[in-house]
Protein backbone atom coordinates (compact mmCIF):
# COMPACT_ATOMS: atom_id res chain seq x y z
CA MET A 1 35.36 9.97 21.58
CA ARG A 2 33.64 11.75 18.71
CA VAL A 3 31.10 9.37 17.20
CA ALA A 4 29.16 9.79 13.95
CA PHE A 5 26.12 7.81 12.80
CA TYR A 6 24.59 6.77 9.50
CA THR A 7 21.15 5.22 9.18
CA LEU A 8 19.83 3.39 6.12
CA GLY A 9 16.32 2.02 5.73
CA CYS A 10 13.18 2.07 7.80
CA LYS A 11 11.83 3.99 10.78
CA VAL A 12 12.80 1.14 13.10
CA ASN A 13 16.42 1.66 12.09
CA GLN A 14 16.01 5.38 12.72
CA VAL A 15 14.67 4.90 16.23
CA GLU A 16 17.38 2.36 17.05
CA THR A 17 20.05 4.80 15.90
CA GLN A 18 18.55 7.49 18.14
CA SER A 19 18.78 5.06 21.05
CA LEU A 20 22.43 4.33 20.26
CA MET A 21 23.18 8.05 20.08
CA ARG A 22 21.74 8.51 23.54
CA MET A 23 23.75 5.58 24.90
CA PHE A 24 26.99 7.07 23.56
CA ARG A 25 26.16 10.50 24.99
CA GLU A 26 25.35 9.03 28.40
CA ALA A 27 28.71 7.22 28.31
CA GLY A 28 30.43 10.59 27.95
CA HIS A 29 31.06 10.65 24.21
CA THR A 30 30.16 13.38 21.70
CA VAL A 31 27.82 12.69 18.80
CA VAL A 32 28.95 14.60 15.71
CA ALA A 33 27.66 15.00 12.17
CA PRO A 34 29.04 12.46 9.67
CA GLU A 35 30.91 15.18 7.77
CA ASP A 36 32.77 16.25 10.92
CA ARG A 37 35.98 14.61 12.05
CA ALA A 38 34.98 11.51 14.03
CA ASP A 39 36.92 8.86 15.94
CA ALA A 40 34.24 6.24 15.28
CA PHE A 41 31.35 5.61 12.90
CA VAL A 42 28.27 3.50 13.62
CA VAL A 43 26.37 2.45 10.51
CA ASN A 44 22.86 1.02 10.91
CA THR A 45 22.35 -0.85 7.64
CA CYS A 46 19.40 -2.06 5.56
CA THR A 47 18.89 -5.20 3.49
CA VAL A 48 15.26 -5.03 2.37
CA THR A 49 16.26 -5.04 -1.32
CA ALA A 50 19.39 -5.79 -3.34
CA VAL A 51 19.74 -2.03 -3.81
CA SER A 52 19.72 -1.60 -0.02
CA ASP A 53 22.58 -4.08 0.30
CA LYS A 54 24.52 -2.23 -2.38
CA LYS A 55 24.04 1.11 -0.62
CA SER A 56 25.20 -0.38 2.68
CA ARG A 57 28.37 -1.77 1.09
CA GLN A 58 29.14 1.45 -0.77
CA LEU A 59 28.68 3.58 2.34
CA LEU A 60 30.93 1.40 4.49
CA ARG A 61 33.68 1.44 1.85
CA ARG A 62 33.44 5.22 1.48
CA ILE A 63 33.66 5.80 5.24
CA ARG A 64 36.81 3.67 5.43
CA ARG A 65 38.36 5.38 2.42
CA GLU A 66 37.76 8.83 3.91
CA ASN A 67 38.57 7.85 7.52
CA PRO A 68 41.38 5.28 7.46
CA ASN A 69 42.07 5.48 11.20
CA ALA A 70 38.50 5.54 12.54
CA ILE A 71 36.67 2.69 14.23
CA ILE A 72 33.79 1.49 12.02
CA ALA A 73 30.93 -0.51 13.49
CA ALA A 74 28.37 -2.01 11.09
CA CYS A 75 25.13 -3.26 12.54
CA GLY A 76 21.58 -3.92 11.42
CA CYS A 77 19.98 -6.05 8.75
CA PHE A 78 22.75 -6.26 6.13
CA PRO A 79 25.35 -7.99 8.34
CA GLN A 80 22.59 -9.97 10.06
CA THR A 81 21.58 -11.68 6.82
CA ASP A 82 25.10 -11.96 5.37
CA PRO A 83 27.86 -11.52 7.97
CA LYS A 84 30.41 -13.08 5.61
CA ALA A 85 29.74 -10.40 2.99
CA ALA A 86 30.21 -7.72 5.66
CA GLU A 87 33.51 -9.26 6.72
CA GLU A 88 34.74 -9.57 3.14
CA LEU A 89 34.33 -5.83 2.63
CA GLY A 90 37.48 -5.48 4.71
CA CYS A 91 36.49 -2.10 6.11
CA CYS A 92 34.49 -2.92 9.25
CA ASP A 93 36.14 -3.29 12.65
CA ILE A 94 32.96 -4.34 14.47
CA ILE A 95 30.15 -6.34 12.86
CA LEU A 96 26.87 -6.84 14.70
CA GLY A 97 23.39 -7.81 13.59
CA THR A 98 19.95 -6.75 14.74
CA GLY A 99 20.29 -7.94 18.33
CA ASP A 100 22.29 -7.04 21.43
CA ARG A 101 22.79 -3.42 20.33
CA ALA A 102 23.70 -2.37 23.85
CA GLN A 103 27.22 -3.80 23.43
CA VAL A 104 28.08 -1.31 20.65
CA VAL A 105 29.26 1.38 23.06
CA ARG A 106 31.62 -0.97 24.92
CA LEU A 107 33.04 -2.45 21.72
CA VAL A 108 33.75 0.97 20.23
CA GLU A 109 35.35 2.14 23.48
CA GLU A 110 37.58 -0.94 23.45
CA ARG A 111 38.46 -0.20 19.81
CA LYS A 112 37.77 -3.79 18.85
CA LYS A 113 39.20 -5.03 15.57
CA GLU A 114 37.86 -7.83 13.36
CA TYR A 115 35.03 -8.49 15.82
CA THR A 116 31.88 -10.23 14.56
CA ASN A 117 28.92 -11.22 16.74
CA VAL A 118 25.71 -11.64 14.78
CA GLY A 119 23.84 -14.70 16.04
CA ASP A 120 20.71 -16.34 14.66
CA ALA A 121 17.81 -13.88 14.51
CA LEU A 122 15.22 -16.65 14.35
CA VAL A 123 16.10 -18.00 17.82
CA ARG A 124 15.79 -14.68 19.67
CA LYS A 125 12.97 -14.64 22.20
CA GLU A 126 13.46 -11.41 24.15
CA PHE A 127 12.70 -7.85 23.08
CA GLU A 128 15.82 -5.75 23.58
CA ILE A 129 14.78 -2.64 25.50
CA LEU A 130 16.90 0.33 24.48
CA PRO A 131 16.60 3.84 25.95
CA VAL A 132 14.36 6.10 23.89
CA GLY A 133 16.21 8.69 21.90
CA THR A 134 15.37 12.28 22.74
CA ASP A 135 16.20 15.37 20.72
CA THR A 136 14.52 18.50 22.05
CA GLY A 137 14.79 20.11 18.61
CA HIS A 138 12.06 17.83 17.31
CA THR A 139 8.33 17.79 17.99
CA ARG A 140 7.71 14.14 17.06
CA ALA A 141 9.32 11.07 18.60
CA MET A 142 9.28 7.40 17.68
CA LEU A 143 8.62 4.60 20.13
CA LYS A 144 9.65 1.10 19.09
CA VAL A 145 7.40 -1.46 20.76
CA GLU A 146 7.92 -4.57 18.64
CA ASP A 147 10.57 -6.40 16.65
CA GLY A 148 10.44 -9.31 14.22
CA CYS A 149 7.94 -10.66 11.71
CA GLU A 150 6.50 -14.10 11.02
CA ASN A 151 4.55 -13.43 7.83
CA PHE A 152 7.25 -14.71 5.45
CA CYS A 153 5.98 -12.89 2.38
CA THR A 154 7.58 -14.37 -0.72
CA TYR A 155 9.40 -11.14 -1.65
CA CYS A 156 10.73 -10.28 1.81
CA VAL A 157 13.88 -11.25 3.71
CA ILE A 158 13.05 -9.30 6.88
CA PRO A 159 11.93 -12.30 9.03
CA PHE A 160 15.44 -13.71 8.59
CA ALA A 161 17.01 -10.33 9.41
CA ARG A 162 14.82 -9.48 12.38
CA GLY A 163 13.65 -12.83 13.70
CA ARG A 164 10.31 -13.78 15.16
CA VAL A 165 7.86 -11.46 16.89
CA ARG A 166 9.08 -9.96 20.16
CA SER A 167 7.08 -7.32 22.02
CA GLU A 168 8.17 -4.70 24.51
CA PRO A 169 6.43 -5.30 27.85
CA MET A 170 3.54 -2.88 28.17
CA GLU A 171 4.76 -1.30 31.41
CA SER A 172 8.09 -0.50 29.76
CA ALA A 173 6.43 1.03 26.70
CA LEU A 174 4.22 3.23 28.88
CA ARG A 175 7.21 4.32 30.95
CA GLN A 176 9.09 5.34 27.81
CA ALA A 177 6.04 7.21 26.53
CA ARG A 178 5.92 9.22 29.76
CA GLU A 179 9.61 9.98 29.37
CA LEU A 180 9.02 11.32 25.86
CA ALA A 181 6.08 13.41 27.04
CA ASP A 182 8.17 14.84 29.88
CA ALA A 183 10.86 15.74 27.31
CA GLY A 184 8.31 17.95 25.54
CA TYR A 185 7.26 15.83 22.60
CA ARG A 186 3.71 16.44 21.39
CA GLU A 187 3.45 13.36 19.18
CA ILE A 188 4.67 9.77 19.49
CA VAL A 189 4.84 7.43 16.50
CA VAL A 190 4.33 3.81 17.56
CA THR A 191 6.61 1.71 15.40
CA GLY A 192 8.04 -1.75 14.97
CA ILE A 193 8.78 -4.28 12.26
CA GLU A 194 5.18 -5.56 12.40
CA ILE A 195 3.27 -3.78 15.15
CA SER A 196 0.04 -5.60 14.28
CA SER A 197 1.62 -8.64 15.95
CA TYR A 198 2.30 -6.74 19.18
CA GLY A 199 1.50 -8.91 22.20
CA LYS A 200 1.59 -12.20 20.31
CA ASP A 201 4.41 -13.32 22.60
CA LEU A 202 2.97 -11.74 25.74
CA ASP A 203 0.33 -13.20 28.03
CA GLY A 204 -3.10 -11.69 27.35
CA VAL A 205 -1.88 -8.36 25.94
CA THR A 206 -2.88 -7.03 22.50
CA LEU A 207 -2.13 -4.00 20.36
CA ILE A 208 -5.50 -2.57 21.44
CA ASP A 209 -4.42 -2.80 25.09
CA LEU A 210 -1.14 -1.05 24.32
CA LEU A 211 -2.77 1.77 22.39
CA LYS A 212 -5.39 2.30 25.12
CA GLY A 213 -2.59 2.46 27.66
CA LEU A 214 -0.57 4.94 25.61
CA CYS A 215 -3.53 7.23 24.94
CA GLU A 216 -4.45 7.28 28.64
CA THR A 217 -0.87 7.56 29.94
CA VAL A 218 0.02 10.62 27.82
CA PRO A 219 -3.38 12.22 27.09
CA ASN A 220 -1.82 15.48 25.90
CA VAL A 221 0.40 13.74 23.35
CA ARG A 222 -0.79 12.62 19.93
CA ILE A 223 -0.37 8.89 19.29
CA ARG A 224 0.28 7.95 15.67
CA LEU A 225 0.44 4.39 14.39
CA GLY A 226 3.00 2.86 12.10
CA SER A 227 2.15 0.36 9.38
CA LEU A 228 -0.71 -2.03 10.14
CA GLU A 229 -1.73 -5.37 8.68
CA PRO A 230 -5.30 -4.97 7.33
CA ARG A 231 -6.68 -7.79 9.50
CA THR A 232 -5.78 -5.73 12.58
CA ILE A 233 -8.77 -3.50 11.84
CA THR A 234 -11.77 -5.06 13.57
CA GLU A 235 -15.00 -3.70 14.99
CA GLU A 236 -13.45 -3.86 18.47
CA PHE A 237 -10.31 -2.02 17.32
CA CYS A 238 -12.36 0.83 15.90
CA LYS A 239 -14.99 0.97 18.63
CA VAL A 240 -12.44 1.10 21.46
CA LEU A 241 -9.83 3.40 19.94
CA SER A 242 -12.19 5.90 18.30
CA THR A 243 -13.03 7.15 21.80
CA TYR A 244 -9.50 8.57 22.25
CA ASN A 245 -9.11 12.07 20.88
CA ASN A 246 -5.31 11.87 20.90
CA LEU A 247 -5.15 8.86 18.56
CA CYS A 248 -4.30 10.21 15.11
CA PRO A 249 -6.86 9.15 12.47
CA GLN A 250 -4.20 8.21 9.93
CA PHE A 251 -3.94 4.51 9.21
CA HIS A 252 -1.23 3.02 7.04
CA LEU A 253 -2.70 -0.28 5.85
CA SER A 254 -0.15 -2.31 3.93
CA LEU A 255 -1.59 -3.27 0.51
CA GLN A 256 1.30 -4.30 -1.83
CA SER A 257 -1.18 -5.38 -4.53
CA GLY A 258 -4.84 -4.75 -5.25
CA CYS A 259 -5.33 -8.13 -6.93
CA ASP A 260 -6.16 -11.35 -5.08
CA THR A 261 -4.10 -13.64 -7.31
CA THR A 262 -1.04 -11.45 -6.92
CA LEU A 263 -1.58 -11.22 -3.14
CA LYS A 264 -1.67 -15.01 -3.02
CA ARG A 265 1.67 -15.27 -4.87
CA MET A 266 3.07 -12.74 -2.39
CA ASN A 267 1.81 -14.93 0.51
CA ARG A 268 -0.12 -12.01 1.95
CA LYS A 269 -2.70 -13.11 4.53
CA TYR A 270 -5.71 -11.11 3.30
CA ASP A 271 -7.69 -10.57 0.13
CA MET A 272 -9.25 -7.42 -1.27
CA GLU A 273 -12.63 -8.13 0.28
CA ARG A 274 -11.03 -8.15 3.72
CA TYR A 275 -8.97 -5.07 2.88
CA ARG A 276 -12.02 -3.08 1.76
CA ALA A 277 -13.87 -4.16 4.91
CA SER A 278 -11.04 -2.74 7.02
CA VAL A 279 -11.19 0.57 5.17
CA SER A 280 -14.99 0.73 5.61
CA LEU A 281 -14.70 0.14 9.34
CA LEU A 282 -12.12 2.88 9.75
CA ARG A 283 -14.17 5.40 7.79
CA ARG A 284 -17.28 4.56 9.77
CA TYR A 285 -15.62 5.19 13.14
CA PHE A 286 -13.00 7.86 12.33
CA SER A 287 -14.41 10.89 10.52
CA SER A 288 -12.24 12.16 7.63
CA CYS A 289 -9.54 9.63 8.47
CA ALA A 290 -6.58 9.28 6.12
CA ILE A 291 -5.82 5.86 4.66
CA THR A 292 -2.28 5.47 3.33
CA THR A 293 -0.52 2.44 1.88
CA ASP A 294 2.40 0.83 0.02
CA LEU A 295 2.19 -0.70 -3.44
CA ILE A 296 4.58 -2.97 -5.34
CA CYS A 297 4.31 -2.81 -9.13
CA GLY A 298 5.51 -5.56 -11.44
CA PHE A 299 5.60 -8.49 -9.04
CA PRO A 300 6.64 -11.70 -10.84
CA GLY A 301 3.78 -13.03 -12.93
CA GLU A 302 1.63 -9.92 -12.58
CA THR A 303 -0.36 -9.72 -15.80
CA GLU A 304 -1.78 -6.59 -17.36
CA GLU A 305 -5.25 -7.73 -16.26
CA GLU A 306 -4.07 -8.17 -12.67
CA PHE A 307 -2.40 -4.78 -12.64
CA SER A 308 -5.53 -3.17 -14.08
CA GLU A 309 -7.49 -4.74 -11.23
CA THR A 310 -5.04 -3.15 -8.79
CA LEU A 311 -5.50 0.27 -10.43
CA GLN A 312 -9.27 -0.06 -10.19
CA ASN A 313 -9.12 -0.97 -6.51
CA ILE A 314 -6.76 1.83 -5.47
CA GLU A 315 -8.96 4.32 -7.31
CA GLN A 316 -12.10 3.04 -5.57
CA ILE A 317 -10.51 2.96 -2.10
CA GLY A 318 -9.19 6.50 -2.49
CA PHE A 319 -5.93 6.62 -0.55
CA SER A 320 -4.75 9.96 0.80
CA ALA A 321 -1.13 9.00 0.07
CA MET A 322 0.72 6.03 -1.41
CA HIS A 323 4.31 4.83 -1.48
CA ILE A 324 4.72 3.10 -4.85
CA PHE A 325 7.72 0.95 -5.77
CA PRO A 326 8.78 -1.30 -8.64
CA TYR A 327 9.32 -4.88 -7.53
CA SER A 328 12.98 -5.44 -6.63
CA LYS A 329 14.37 -8.96 -6.74
CA ARG A 330 15.90 -9.93 -3.39
CA ALA A 331 18.23 -12.94 -3.29
CA GLY A 332 17.16 -15.51 -0.72
CA THR A 333 13.43 -15.01 -1.23
CA ARG A 334 10.97 -17.27 -3.04
CA ALA A 335 9.88 -14.47 -5.35
CA ALA A 336 13.42 -14.11 -6.70
CA LYS A 337 13.17 -17.67 -8.04
CA MET A 338 9.73 -17.24 -9.61
CA SER A 339 9.35 -17.45 -13.35
CA ASP A 340 7.74 -14.63 -15.34
CA GLN A 341 9.98 -11.89 -13.96
CA ILE A 342 8.87 -8.56 -15.43
CA ILE A 343 11.34 -6.35 -17.24
CA LYS A 344 12.51 -3.13 -15.64
CA ALA A 345 10.89 -0.83 -18.24
CA GLU A 346 7.47 -2.40 -17.70
CA LYS A 347 7.77 -2.19 -13.90
CA GLU A 348 8.67 1.48 -14.16
CA ALA A 349 5.77 2.12 -16.55
CA ARG A 350 3.37 0.55 -14.06
CA VAL A 351 4.79 2.70 -11.27
CA ARG A 352 4.02 5.78 -13.37
CA ARG A 353 0.47 4.60 -14.08
CA ALA A 354 -0.21 3.83 -10.43
CA SER A 355 1.29 7.17 -9.40
CA GLU A 356 -1.18 8.98 -11.65
CA VAL A 357 -4.10 7.27 -9.93
CA ALA A 358 -2.54 7.98 -6.51
CA LYS A 359 -2.23 11.65 -7.45
CA GLU A 360 -5.94 11.79 -8.30
CA THR A 361 -7.04 10.10 -5.08
CA ARG A 362 -4.82 12.42 -3.04
CA THR A 363 -6.38 15.43 -4.74
CA ARG A 364 -9.84 14.16 -3.82
CA TYR A 365 -8.79 13.69 -0.21
CA LEU A 366 -7.24 17.16 0.06
CA GLN A 367 -10.35 18.69 -1.49
CA SER A 368 -12.48 16.94 1.14
CA LEU A 369 -10.65 18.94 3.83
CA LEU A 370 -11.34 22.39 2.33
CA GLY A 371 -13.36 24.50 4.74
CA LYS A 372 -12.83 22.04 7.58
CA THR A 373 -10.94 22.56 10.82
CA VAL A 374 -7.95 20.33 11.52
CA SER A 375 -5.58 20.05 14.47
CA VAL A 376 -1.98 20.85 13.48
CA LEU A 377 1.28 20.25 15.34
CA PHE A 378 3.62 22.99 14.10
CA GLU A 379 7.22 22.02 13.49
CA GLU A 380 9.18 24.59 11.49
CA GLU A 381 9.11 28.04 9.89
CA GLU A 382 10.01 28.78 6.29
CA ASN A 383 9.74 32.17 4.56
CA GLY A 384 7.27 33.54 7.09
CA ALA A 385 5.03 30.48 7.02
CA TRP A 386 4.78 27.97 9.84
CA ARG A 387 4.43 24.37 8.76
CA GLY A 388 3.20 21.31 10.57
CA HIS A 389 1.21 18.13 10.17
CA SER A 390 -2.43 17.56 10.93
CA LYS A 391 -3.60 14.47 12.80
CA GLU A 392 -4.25 13.00 9.35
CA TYR A 393 -0.56 13.60 8.52
CA ILE A 394 -1.25 16.29 5.95
CA LEU A 395 1.26 19.13 5.75
CA VAL A 396 -0.42 22.45 6.61
CA GLU A 397 0.97 26.00 6.32
CA VAL A 398 -0.19 29.18 8.03
CA LYS A 399 1.16 32.72 8.14
CA SER A 400 2.31 33.81 11.58
CA GLU A 401 4.65 36.50 12.84
CA THR A 402 5.07 34.70 16.15
CA SER A 403 6.63 31.30 16.75
CA LEU A 404 4.26 28.33 16.64
CA LYS A 405 6.99 25.77 17.32
CA ASN A 406 5.68 22.63 19.05
CA GLN A 407 2.18 24.06 19.45
CA VAL A 408 -0.97 22.12 18.56
CA LEU A 409 -3.55 24.52 17.13
CA ASP A 410 -6.85 24.34 15.26
CA VAL A 411 -6.55 25.51 11.67
CA GLU A 412 -9.27 26.26 9.14
CA ILE A 413 -8.26 24.93 5.71
CA LEU A 414 -8.52 27.53 2.96
CA GLU A 415 -6.76 26.15 -0.12
CA ILE A 416 -4.60 23.38 -1.60
CA LEU A 417 -0.95 24.03 -2.40
CA GLY A 418 0.42 21.99 -5.29
CA ASN A 419 -1.41 18.77 -4.41
CA GLU A 420 1.06 18.27 -1.58
CA SER A 421 -0.02 20.48 1.29
CA LEU A 422 -2.78 22.77 2.55
CA ILE A 423 -2.93 26.43 3.46
CA GLY A 424 -5.04 27.59 6.35
CA ARG A 425 -5.48 30.09 9.13
CA VAL A 426 -5.22 29.56 12.86
CA ILE A 427 -8.59 29.82 14.55
């Protein structure tokens, strides 16, 4: 069969889709681009916001309209949280949730019709080990080591879509890392729904243990971390992991708000004092490290004074990059029922104001790298310039007449290009 894939949402969805692609290939099928004629479509959906749900529904309807005779399998967070809504679309042959993905290949091969098997995410106890996806055209691979979240933030439906924390056994994660290294990858991104909780369900194993094991198992491969909860950053975390040269000094610490009262309404488990302490620890142990984050603007009840406090804190912390979003009401969450919902125009205005501060802090960070030497993994060539990312996840360009594909080289930084990337020369 010719099978096409669509992926909506987060990096975890992306890595799961890559695993499914591999499973179909190993079963003898051909993976094709979505625009090519396909016998079956597998859609890995997202439900993090109401907009995500809408995009999932629209995509599924469009695929059916354009491919009336194809098998369509919908899986992921949208059908997991609302299987009835997925069924009522009337365009999906196979409906699965966020568990038991391994059955997708068999169900598509059997050309199942009107098949739904979602289950209750909150009762799952086992981490589903899927084969790692490998694509030799890429230099960076993702390794999913954890699923589920138990934080129950007031704006988030993901615990109900993904269930409770489940960790991949350490020996399995290390085996998959070796497989990726043997396939030629020079960087592995450790990802999951909430990787800070890795090991919570295992006996005596922590995220620190996993990262030590990964760094030692594939010493010639860069290890990059996904999003971290600020309380993960302890003296032990920094002291142990700063000794590994292949651990990338880029740390994505989830913020969401820079105001304690707003964080409390969000049911976040830290305050700004703890957040700043985490940043200080990282900067003490990891020279020139990059701190990145996410920010929600216009959360219900956020006053102008609270938002101003957030702006002040993000300016003082000095993030190298920020993902900034307006608050999006998600049905089924406590925040959706809160009073003092903020109008769309005000949320968008706050996004613009926060983006201006983020632009300034990024400029400061890029300027701090001028004249320094950074290690760059080169990925692609464009108009005679080779581009790649430094360990700090900054895009760097150099001129080269020879291919630098998948090479890790030291680069002296010479100038800033448009506040987005750096220009340098290979040493």
